Amino acid sequence: MSSAKILVVDDEQSIINLVTAYLRQEGYEVYTAMDGPAGLKAARSLKPDLVVLDVMLPGMDGIELLAQLRRESDVYVIMLTAKSEETDKIVGLSMGADDYLTKPFSPRELVARVKAALRRLRAGAGSVAAAVLPFRHVRIDAGSRQVWVNDEPVSLTAVEFDLLRTLAEHRGLVLSREQLLERVWGYDFYGEERVVDVHIGHIRQKLGADHSIATVRGVGYRFEDEPI
């Protein structure tokens, strides 16, 4: 997936230049925007495979832009923030970001995260159509990356889908945050374990309380729907 399209939205020219240089060196098609409205327009027209999105943007901040994107797309989004407080990171994740980096960041780290994300998306797209996980209430189609609850379609982001699929494939087993980070984000994940909790919360809301994921306090998470 070296020819994947990546959109970088940041109002700092130095960041744009640095990130663009590193990503193009890896063979990616890189497009840029320097304010919120331009970023939204570019995302709609280009249909990128991944978006690198700064929180602080003129015209429309990154959180609002992310909210607009999530109404229209499940594109993988890595948020950039100059703020180091945990609450600022969680806000972005709560609005639907898949991952985050705090400025200043290593461009090599960003490239590693981009590679890991695109590798997972490529692997998902290459899954055989027959890879369906049927449960009493939830049905997961690995090939089309679609989920149904009681025959009603449920929209999940890329990370949410991968988390749910991983837990469902290990139904009845408790997976720790560390195990989920390794399986879903990859071994080169550099962030905090709290990111798992936020995404699990999103999945629970979308699946509904009766078909949710159990929390095993101090240990991790377990998928409990009955197979059919």
Foldseek 3Di string as FASTA:
>chain_A
DLAFEEEEEAQDVVVVVVLVVVSVVSNYHYHYHHALVVSLVCCVVVVGQEYEAEQDGPPAGRLRSLLVCVVPDLRAYEYEYQDDDPVVQLSSLLSRHLYYDHPPDDSVLVVVQVVLLVVLVVVQCPDDQPPWFAFPAKIAGSNVLWIGGNNHTFDDHQLLSQLVVVQSVVAPDFDALVRSCCRRRNPSDDDDSVSVVSSLVVNCVRNDVVQHWDADPPGGIHGHTGGD
